[in-house]
Amino acid sequence: MTSRHHRSTRAMPIPVPVPKTPVNPLNPKNLLTLPPTRPRNPLVAAALLRKAGAHQPSRGAVRAAERRSLRAELLEQTRRHRPAGDP
């Protein structure tokens, strides 16, 4: 029976090629040139930045808050009206 080897879940180092000569970032040969992007609509960018989240709690949050307040109110009522001899 052969033993089964389990691969480690650790990250393995990836070999990165090292340039033989140092790269000068100011050399135009080393720069990546991209085609010019088309002009963007400045009004759309401003509108997207103005957009915000909801200005009120979600319905689920409102229901949960009502449920908590009802439970607290019922607990207060039972404490107030409980006879002195009851635990």
PDB file of N, CA and C in Angstrom:
ATOM      1  N   MET A   1       0.844  -1.178   0.000  1.00  0.00           N
ATOM      2  CA  MET A   1       0.000   0.000   0.000  1.00  0.00           C
ATOM      3  C   MET A   1       0.891   1.244   0.000  1.00  0.00           C
ATOM      4  N   THR A   2       0.599   2.208  -0.862  1.00  0.00           N
ATOM      5  CA  THR A   2       1.421   3.420  -0.933  1.00  0.00           C
ATOM      6  C   THR A   2       0.854   4.473  -0.007  1.00  0.00           C
ATOM      7  N   SER A   3       1.744   5.284   0.517  1.00  0.00           N
ATOM      8  CA  SER A   3       1.284   6.362   1.391  1.00  0.00           C
ATOM      9  C   SER A   3       0.828   7.534   0.528  1.00  0.00           C
ATOM     10  N   ARG A   4      -0.180   8.171   0.973  1.00  0.00           N
ATOM     11  CA  ARG A   4      -0.743   9.290   0.234  1.00  0.00           C
ATOM     12  C   ARG A   4      -0.182  10.594   0.808  1.00  0.00           C
ATOM     13  N   HIS A   5       0.347  11.438  -0.041  1.00  0.00           N
ATOM     14  CA  HIS A   5       0.891  12.721   0.406  1.00  0.00           C
ATOM     15  C   HIS A   5      -0.196  13.767   0.313  1.00  0.00           C
ATOM     16  N   HIS A   6      -0.312  14.536   1.372  1.00  0.00           N
ATOM     17  CA  HIS A   6      -1.320  15.597   1.409  1.00  0.00           C
ATOM     18  C   HIS A   6      -0.628  16.921   1.121  1.00  0.00           C
ATOM     19  N   ARG A   7      -1.182  17.672   0.193  1.00  0.00           N
ATOM     20  CA  ARG A   7      -0.614  18.974  -0.118  1.00  0.00           C
ATOM     21  C   ARG A   7      -0.851  19.934   1.028  1.00  0.00           C
ATOM     22  N   SER A   8       0.137  20.730   1.289  1.00  0.00           N
ATOM     23  CA  SER A   8       0.023  21.725   2.358  1.00  0.00           C
ATOM     24  C   SER A   8      -0.906  22.841   1.907  1.00  0.00           C
ATOM     25  N   THR A   9      -1.628  23.407   2.850  1.00  0.00           N
ATOM     26  CA  THR A   9      -2.531  24.509   2.519  1.00  0.00           C
ATOM     27  C   THR A   9      -1.824  25.851   2.624  1.00  0.00           C
ATOM     28  N   ARG A  10      -0.546  25.835   2.938  1.00  0.00           N
ATOM     29  CA  ARG A  10       0.209  27.091   3.036  1.00  0.00           C
ATOM     30  C   ARG A  10       0.466  27.651   1.649  1.00  0.00           C
ATOM     31  N   ALA A  11       0.625  28.946   1.590  1.00  0.00           N
ATOM     32  CA  ALA A  11       0.895  29.593   0.313  1.00  0.00           C
ATOM     33  C   ALA A  11       2.314  29.257  -0.125  1.00  0.00           C
ATOM     34  N   MET A  12       2.433  28.865  -1.358  1.00  0.00           N
ATOM     35  CA  MET A  12       3.741  28.520  -1.907  1.00  0.00           C
ATOM     36  C   MET A  12       4.349  29.770  -2.524  1.00  0.00           C
ATOM     37  N   PRO A  13       5.645  29.992  -2.336  1.00  0.00           N
ATOM     38  CA  PRO A  13       6.267  31.167  -2.962  1.00  0.00           C
ATOM     39  C   PRO A  13       6.316  30.998  -4.472  1.00  0.00           C
ATOM     40  N   ILE A  14       6.036  32.070  -5.166  1.00  0.00           N
ATOM     41  CA  ILE A  14       6.036  32.059  -6.625  1.00  0.00           C
ATOM     42  C   ILE A  14       7.346  32.669  -7.089  1.00  0.00           C
ATOM     43  N   PRO A  15       8.098  31.966  -7.922  1.00  0.00           N
ATOM     44  CA  PRO A  15       9.359  32.547  -8.385  1.00  0.00           C
ATOM     45  C   PRO A  15       9.088  33.748  -9.287  1.00  0.00           C
ATOM     46  N   VAL A  16       9.772  34.835  -9.002  1.00  0.00           N
ATOM     47  CA  VAL A  16       9.618  36.076  -9.760  1.00  0.00           C
ATOM     48  C   VAL A  16      10.913  36.303 -10.520  1.00  0.00           C
ATOM     49  N   PRO A  17      10.832  36.524 -11.826  1.00  0.00           N
ATOM     50  CA  PRO A  17      12.067  36.768 -12.569  1.00  0.00           C
ATOM     51  C   PRO A  17      12.708  38.089 -12.143  1.00  0.00           C
ATOM     52  N   VAL A  18      13.986  38.047 -11.897  1.00  0.00           N
ATOM     53  CA  VAL A  18      14.728  39.229 -11.478  1.00  0.00           C
ATOM     54  C   VAL A  18      15.477  39.753 -12.692  1.00  0.00           C
ATOM     55  N   PRO A  19      15.303  41.043 -13.034  1.00  0.00           N
ATOM     56  CA  PRO A  19      16.016  41.567 -14.198  1.00  0.00           C
ATOM     57  C   PRO A  19      17.524  41.582 -13.925  1.00  0.00           C
ATOM     58  N   LYS A  20      18.296  41.336 -14.984  1.00  0.00           N
ATOM     59  CA  LYS A  20      19.752  41.310 -14.837  1.00  0.00           C
ATOM     60  C   LYS A  20      20.300  42.709 -14.622  1.00  0.00           C
ATOM     61  N   THR A  21      19.665  43.684 -15.234  1.00  0.00           N
ATOM     62  CA  THR A  21      20.091  45.074 -15.043  1.00  0.00           C
ATOM     63  C   THR A  21      18.984  45.813 -14.328  1.00  0.00           C
ATOM     64  N   PRO A  22      19.321  46.785 -13.503  1.00  0.00           N
ATOM     65  CA  PRO A  22      18.262  47.529 -12.810  1.00  0.00           C
ATOM     66  C   PRO A  22      17.376  48.276 -13.802  1.00  0.00           C
ATOM     67  N   VAL A  23      16.082  48.338 -13.493  1.00  0.00           N
ATOM     68  CA  VAL A  23      15.116  49.003 -14.365  1.00  0.00           C
ATOM     69  C   VAL A  23      15.011  50.457 -13.951  1.00  0.00           C
ATOM     70  N   ASN A  24      15.205  51.350 -14.899  1.00  0.00           N
ATOM     71  CA  ASN A  24      15.079  52.778 -14.644  1.00  0.00           C
ATOM     72  C   ASN A  24      13.648  53.184 -14.992  1.00  0.00           C
ATOM     73  N   PRO A  25      12.828  53.579 -13.989  1.00  0.00           N
ATOM     74  CA  PRO A  25      11.436  53.929 -14.304  1.00  0.00           C
ATOM     75  C   PRO A  25      11.304  55.206 -15.116  1.00  0.00           C
ATOM     76  N   LEU A  26      12.351  56.026 -15.166  1.00  0.00           N
ATOM     77  CA  LEU A  26      12.267  57.278 -15.921  1.00  0.00           C
ATOM     78  C   LEU A  26      12.606  57.080 -17.400  1.00  0.00           C
ATOM     79  N   ASN A  27      13.103  55.919 -17.761  1.00  0.00           N
ATOM     80  CA  ASN A  27      13.433  55.637 -19.148  1.00  0.00           C
ATOM     81  C   ASN A  27      12.140  55.418 -19.925  1.00  0.00           C
ATOM     82  N   PRO A  28      11.915  56.130 -21.023  1.00  0.00           N
ATOM     83  CA  PRO A  28      10.661  55.973 -21.778  1.00  0.00           C
ATOM     84  C   PRO A  28      10.453  54.559 -22.312  1.00  0.00           C
ATOM     85  N   LYS A  29      11.512  53.774 -22.487  1.00  0.00           N
ATOM     86  CA  LYS A  29      11.366  52.406 -22.975  1.00  0.00           C
ATOM     87  C   LYS A  29      10.695  51.515 -21.930  1.00  0.00           C
ATOM     88  N   ASN A  30      10.820  51.876 -20.666  1.00  0.00           N
ATOM     89  CA  ASN A  30      10.274  51.064 -19.584  1.00  0.00           C
ATOM     90  C   ASN A  30       8.849  51.457 -19.198  1.00  0.00           C
ATOM     91  N   LEU A  31       8.308  52.497 -19.807  1.00  0.00           N
ATOM     92  CA  LEU A  31       6.973  52.956 -19.445  1.00  0.00           C
ATOM     93  C   LEU A  31       5.926  52.246 -20.289  1.00  0.00           C
ATOM     94  N   LEU A  32       4.804  51.974 -19.695  1.00  0.00           N
ATOM     95  CA  LEU A  32       3.690  51.354 -20.390  1.00  0.00           C
ATOM     96  C   LEU A  32       2.826  52.479 -20.954  1.00  0.00           C
ATOM     97  N   THR A  33       2.592  52.459 -22.240  1.00  0.00           N
ATOM     98  CA  THR A  33       1.770  53.495 -22.851  1.00  0.00           C
ATOM     99  C   THR A  33       0.384  52.932 -23.113  1.00  0.00           C
ATOM    100  N   LEU A  34      -0.623  53.678 -22.708  1.00  0.00           N
ATOM    101  CA  LEU A  34      -2.014  53.281 -22.897  1.00  0.00           C
ATOM    102  C   LEU A  34      -2.674  54.226 -23.880  1.00  0.00           C
ATOM    103  N   PRO A  35      -3.631  53.738 -24.641  1.00  0.00           N
ATOM    104  CA  PRO A  35      -4.337  54.654 -25.544  1.00  0.00           C
ATOM    105  C   PRO A  35      -5.147  55.654 -24.722  1.00  0.00           C
ATOM    106  N   PRO A  36      -5.350  56.848 -25.245  1.00  0.00           N
ATOM    107  CA  PRO A  36      -6.114  57.838 -24.474  1.00  0.00           C
ATOM    108  C   PRO A  36      -7.547  57.370 -24.262  1.00  0.00           C
ATOM    109  N   THR A  37      -8.068  57.576 -23.064  1.00  0.00           N
ATOM    110  CA  THR A  37      -9.439  57.189 -22.770  1.00  0.00           C
ATOM    111  C   THR A  37     -10.376  58.262 -23.307  1.00  0.00           C
ATOM    112  N   ARG A  38     -11.586  57.870 -23.590  1.00  0.00           N
ATOM    113  CA  ARG A  38     -12.541  58.846 -24.102  1.00  0.00           C
ATOM    114  C   ARG A  38     -12.958  59.769 -22.953  1.00  0.00           C
ATOM    115  N   PRO A  39     -13.354  60.977 -23.241  1.00  0.00           N
ATOM    116  CA  PRO A  39     -13.736  61.898 -22.167  1.00  0.00           C
ATOM    117  C   PRO A  39     -14.984  61.412 -21.440  1.00  0.00           C
ATOM    118  N   ARG A  40     -14.993  61.585 -20.147  1.00  0.00           N
ATOM    119  CA  ARG A  40     -16.118  61.159 -19.315  1.00  0.00           C
ATOM    120  C   ARG A  40     -17.079  62.311 -19.109  1.00  0.00           C
ATOM    121  N   ASN A  41     -18.327  61.956 -18.835  1.00  0.00           N
ATOM    122  CA  ASN A  41     -19.350  62.958 -18.570  1.00  0.00           C
ATOM    123  C   ASN A  41     -19.197  63.416 -17.114  1.00  0.00           C
ATOM    124  N   PRO A  42     -18.824  64.663 -16.856  1.00  0.00           N
ATOM    125  CA  PRO A  42     -18.606  65.111 -15.482  1.00  0.00           C
ATOM    126  C   PRO A  42     -19.900  65.151 -14.664  1.00  0.00           C
ATOM    127  N   LEU A  43     -21.037  65.296 -15.318  1.00  0.00           N
ATOM    128  CA  LEU A  43     -22.294  65.343 -14.576  1.00  0.00           C
ATOM    129  C   LEU A  43     -22.650  63.981 -13.994  1.00  0.00           C
ATOM    130  N   VAL A  44     -22.328  62.919 -14.717  1.00  0.00           N
ATOM    131  CA  VAL A  44     -22.619  61.577 -14.220  1.00  0.00           C
ATOM    132  C   VAL A  44     -21.743  61.265 -13.013  1.00  0.00           C
ATOM    133  N   ALA A  45     -20.469  61.649 -13.077  1.00  0.00           N
ATOM    134  CA  ALA A  45     -19.565  61.394 -11.957  1.00  0.00           C
ATOM    135  C   ALA A  45     -20.053  62.123 -10.706  1.00  0.00           C
ATOM    136  N   ALA A  46     -20.495  63.365 -10.857  1.00  0.00           N
ATOM    137  CA  ALA A  46     -20.993  64.124  -9.707  1.00  0.00           C
ATOM    138  C   ALA A  46     -22.266  63.488  -9.153  1.00  0.00           C
ATOM    139  N   ALA A  47     -23.144  63.015 -10.031  1.00  0.00           N
ATOM    140  CA  ALA A  47     -24.389  62.405  -9.576  1.00  0.00           C
ATOM    141  C   ALA A  47     -24.109  61.102  -8.828  1.00  0.00           C
ATOM    142  N   LEU A  48     -23.140  60.319  -9.302  1.00  0.00           N
ATOM    143  CA  LEU A  48     -22.814  59.069  -8.620  1.00  0.00           C
ATOM    144  C   LEU A  48     -22.209  59.338  -7.250  1.00  0.00           C
ATOM    145  N   LEU A  49     -21.432  60.400  -7.126  1.00  0.00           N
ATOM    146  CA  LEU A  49     -20.842  60.724  -5.832  1.00  0.00           C
ATOM    147  C   LEU A  49     -21.892  61.237  -4.861  1.00  0.00           C
ATOM    148  N   ARG A  50     -22.927  61.895  -5.375  1.00  0.00           N
ATOM    149  CA  ARG A  50     -23.983  62.435  -4.506  1.00  0.00           C
ATOM    150  C   ARG A  50     -24.896  61.338  -3.993  1.00  0.00           C
ATOM    151  N   LYS A  51     -24.970  60.242  -4.725  1.00  0.00           N
ATOM    152  CA  LYS A  51     -25.878  59.173  -4.349  1.00  0.00           C
ATOM    153  C   LYS A  51     -25.492  58.625  -2.977  1.00  0.00           C
ATOM    154  N   ALA A  52     -26.448  58.458  -2.128  1.00  0.00           N
ATOM    155  CA  ALA A  52     -26.159  57.985  -0.779  1.00  0.00           C
ATOM    156  C   ALA A  52     -26.990  56.752  -0.493  1.00  0.00           C
ATOM    157  N   GLY A  53     -26.819  56.214   0.684  1.00  0.00           N
ATOM    158  CA  GLY A  53     -27.565  55.034   1.088  1.00  0.00           C
ATOM    159  C   GLY A  53     -28.979  55.403   1.509  1.00  0.00           C
ATOM    160  N   ALA A  54     -29.659  54.458   2.085  1.00  0.00           N
ATOM    161  CA  ALA A  54     -31.034  54.665   2.524  1.00  0.00           C
ATOM    162  C   ALA A  54     -31.050  55.673   3.677  1.00  0.00           C
ATOM    163  N   HIS A  55     -32.072  56.508   3.702  1.00  0.00           N
ATOM    164  CA  HIS A  55     -32.198  57.523   4.741  1.00  0.00           C
ATOM    165  C   HIS A  55     -33.124  57.089   5.856  1.00  0.00           C
ATOM    166  N   GLN A  56     -33.487  55.843   5.876  1.00  0.00           N
ATOM    167  CA  GLN A  56     -34.340  55.328   6.942  1.00  0.00           C
ATOM    168  C   GLN A  56     -33.971  53.873   7.172  1.00  0.00           C
ATOM    169  N   PRO A  57     -34.274  53.358   8.363  1.00  0.00           N
ATOM    170  CA  PRO A  57     -33.946  51.961   8.628  1.00  0.00           C
ATOM    171  C   PRO A  57     -34.740  51.030   7.716  1.00  0.00           C
ATOM    172  N   SER A  58     -34.187  49.870   7.462  1.00  0.00           N
ATOM    173  CA  SER A  58     -34.883  48.902   6.632  1.00  0.00           C
ATOM    174  C   SER A  58     -36.113  48.369   7.372  1.00  0.00           C
ATOM    175  N   ARG A  59     -36.989  47.722   6.618  1.00  0.00           N
ATOM    176  CA  ARG A  59     -38.203  47.195   7.250  1.00  0.00           C
ATOM    177  C   ARG A  59     -37.868  46.129   8.283  1.00  0.00           C
ATOM    178  N   GLY A  60     -36.846  45.342   8.008  1.00  0.00           N
ATOM    179  CA  GLY A  60     -36.427  44.324   8.962  1.00  0.00           C
ATOM    180  C   GLY A  60     -35.923  44.947  10.253  1.00  0.00           C
ATOM    181  N   ALA A  61     -35.180  46.043  10.144  1.00  0.00           N
ATOM    182  CA  ALA A  61     -34.668  46.717  11.337  1.00  0.00           C
ATOM    183  C   ALA A  61     -35.811  47.331  12.142  1.00  0.00           C
ATOM    184  N   VAL A  62     -36.813  47.863  11.448  1.00  0.00           N
ATOM    185  CA  VAL A  62     -37.969  48.446  12.140  1.00  0.00           C
ATOM    186  C   VAL A  62     -38.744  47.352  12.872  1.00  0.00           C
ATOM    187  N   ARG A  63     -38.949  46.205  12.205  1.00  0.00           N
ATOM    188  CA  ARG A  63     -39.654  45.094  12.866  1.00  0.00           C
ATOM    189  C   ARG A  63     -38.878  44.591  14.075  1.00  0.00           C
ATOM    190  N   ALA A  64     -37.567  44.479  13.952  1.00  0.00           N
ATOM    191  CA  ALA A  64     -36.760  43.999  15.071  1.00  0.00           C
ATOM    192  C   ALA A  64     -36.828  44.975  16.237  1.00  0.00           C
ATOM    193  N   ALA A  65     -36.791  46.272  15.956  1.00  0.00           N
ATOM    194  CA  ALA A  65     -36.875  47.269  17.024  1.00  0.00           C
ATOM    195  C   ALA A  65     -38.240  47.208  17.711  1.00  0.00           C
ATOM    196  N   GLU A  66     -39.305  47.046  16.921  1.00  0.00           N
ATOM    197  CA  GLU A  66     -40.646  46.940  17.516  1.00  0.00           C
ATOM    198  C   GLU A  66     -40.757  45.683  18.373  1.00  0.00           C
ATOM    199  N   ARG A  67     -40.168  44.570  17.884  1.00  0.00           N
ATOM    200  CA  ARG A  67     -40.207  43.329  18.647  1.00  0.00           C
ATOM    201  C   ARG A  67     -39.457  43.491  19.978  1.00  0.00           C
ATOM    202  N   ARG A  68     -38.294  44.153  19.950  1.00  0.00           N
ATOM    203  CA  ARG A  68     -37.539  44.375  21.187  1.00  0.00           C
ATOM    204  C   ARG A  68     -38.295  45.266  22.153  1.00  0.00           C
ATOM    205  N   SER A  69     -38.913  46.322  21.640  1.00  0.00           N
ATOM    206  CA  SER A  69     -39.637  47.232  22.533  1.00  0.00           C
ATOM    207  C   SER A  69     -40.874  46.539  23.118  1.00  0.00           C
ATOM    208  N   LEU A  70     -41.565  45.713  22.325  1.00  0.00           N
ATOM    209  CA  LEU A  70     -42.723  44.985  22.837  1.00  0.00           C
ATOM    210  C   LEU A  70     -42.302  43.993  23.928  1.00  0.00           C
ATOM    211  N   ARG A  71     -41.201  43.306  23.674  1.00  0.00           N
ATOM    212  CA  ARG A  71     -40.716  42.343  24.670  1.00  0.00           C
ATOM    213  C   ARG A  71     -40.330  43.056  25.968  1.00  0.00           C
ATOM    214  N   ALA A  72     -39.669  44.213  25.866  1.00  0.00           N
ATOM    215  CA  ALA A  72     -39.285  44.970  27.058  1.00  0.00           C
ATOM    216  C   ALA A  72     -40.523  45.467  27.797  1.00  0.00           C
ATOM    217  N   GLU A  73     -41.520  45.919  27.038  1.00  0.00           N
ATOM    218  CA  GLU A  73     -42.755  46.401  27.655  1.00  0.00           C
ATOM    219  C   GLU A  73     -43.489  45.269  28.377  1.00  0.00           C
ATOM    220  N   LEU A  74     -43.581  44.090  27.744  1.00  0.00           N
ATOM    221  CA  LEU A  74     -44.235  42.948  28.383  1.00  0.00           C
ATOM    222  C   LEU A  74     -43.480  42.504  29.633  1.00  0.00           C
ATOM    223  N   LEU A  75     -42.167  42.515  29.570  1.00  0.00           N
ATOM    224  CA  LEU A  75     -41.367  42.148  30.733  1.00  0.00           C
ATOM    225  C   LEU A  75     -41.599  43.131  31.876  1.00  0.00           C
ATOM    226  N   GLU A  76     -41.679  44.412  31.541  1.00  0.00           N
ATOM    227  CA  GLU A  76     -41.934  45.435  32.564  1.00  0.00           C
ATOM    228  C   GLU A  76     -43.320  45.245  33.175  1.00  0.00           C
ATOM    229  N   GLN A  77     -44.315  44.932  32.343  1.00  0.00           N
ATOM    230  CA  GLN A  77     -45.668  44.722  32.844  1.00  0.00           C
ATOM    231  C   GLN A  77     -45.728  43.507  33.777  1.00  0.00           C
ATOM    232  N   THR A  78     -45.054  42.416  33.401  1.00  0.00           N
ATOM    233  CA  THR A  78     -45.090  41.232  34.258  1.00  0.00           C
ATOM    234  C   THR A  78     -44.345  41.471  35.563  1.00  0.00           C
ATOM    235  N   ARG A  79     -43.297  42.256  35.543  1.00  0.00           N
ATOM    236  CA  ARG A  79     -42.576  42.568  36.778  1.00  0.00           C
ATOM    237  C   ARG A  79     -43.421  43.454  37.687  1.00  0.00           C
ATOM    238  N   ARG A  80     -44.146  44.361  37.088  1.00  0.00           N
ATOM    239  CA  ARG A  80     -44.927  45.308  37.873  1.00  0.00           C
ATOM    240  C   ARG A  80     -46.129  44.635  38.537  1.00  0.00           C
ATOM    241  N   HIS A  81     -46.744  43.681  37.845  1.00  0.00           N
ATOM    242  CA  HIS A  81     -47.979  43.082  38.339  1.00  0.00           C
ATOM    243  C   HIS A  81     -47.768  41.712  38.996  1.00  0.00           C
ATOM    244  N   ARG A  82     -46.541  41.321  39.202  1.00  0.00           N
ATOM    245  CA  ARG A  82     -46.250  40.028  39.822  1.00  0.00           C
ATOM    246  C   ARG A  82     -46.489  40.129  41.325  1.00  0.00           C
ATOM    247  N   PRO A  83     -47.188  39.180  41.925  1.00  0.00           N
ATOM    248  CA  PRO A  83     -47.384  39.195  43.390  1.00  0.00           C
ATOM    249  C   PRO A  83     -46.043  39.020  44.104  1.00  0.00           C
ATOM    250  N   ALA A  84     -45.964  39.502  45.307  1.00  0.00           N
ATOM    251  CA  ALA A  84     -44.713  39.527  46.059  1.00  0.00           C
ATOM    252  C   ALA A  84     -44.216  38.112  46.372  1.00  0.00           C
ATOM    253  N   GLY A  85     -45.066  37.135  46.538  1.00  0.00           N
ATOM    254  CA  GLY A  85     -44.666  35.785  46.903  1.00  0.00           C
ATOM    255  C   GLY A  85     -44.146  34.950  45.723  1.00  0.00           C
ATOM    256  N   ASP A  86     -44.424  35.360  44.467  1.00  0.00           N
ATOM    257  CA  ASP A  86     -44.000  34.592  43.312  1.00  0.00           C
ATOM    258  C   ASP A  86     -42.507  34.822  43.037  1.00  0.00           C
ATOM    259  N   PRO A  87     -41.830  33.801  42.579  1.00  0.00           N
ATOM    260  CA  PRO A  87     -40.411  33.972  42.253  1.00  0.00           C
ATOM    261  C   PRO A  87     -40.203  34.722  40.970  1.00  0.00           C
TER     262      PRO A  87
END
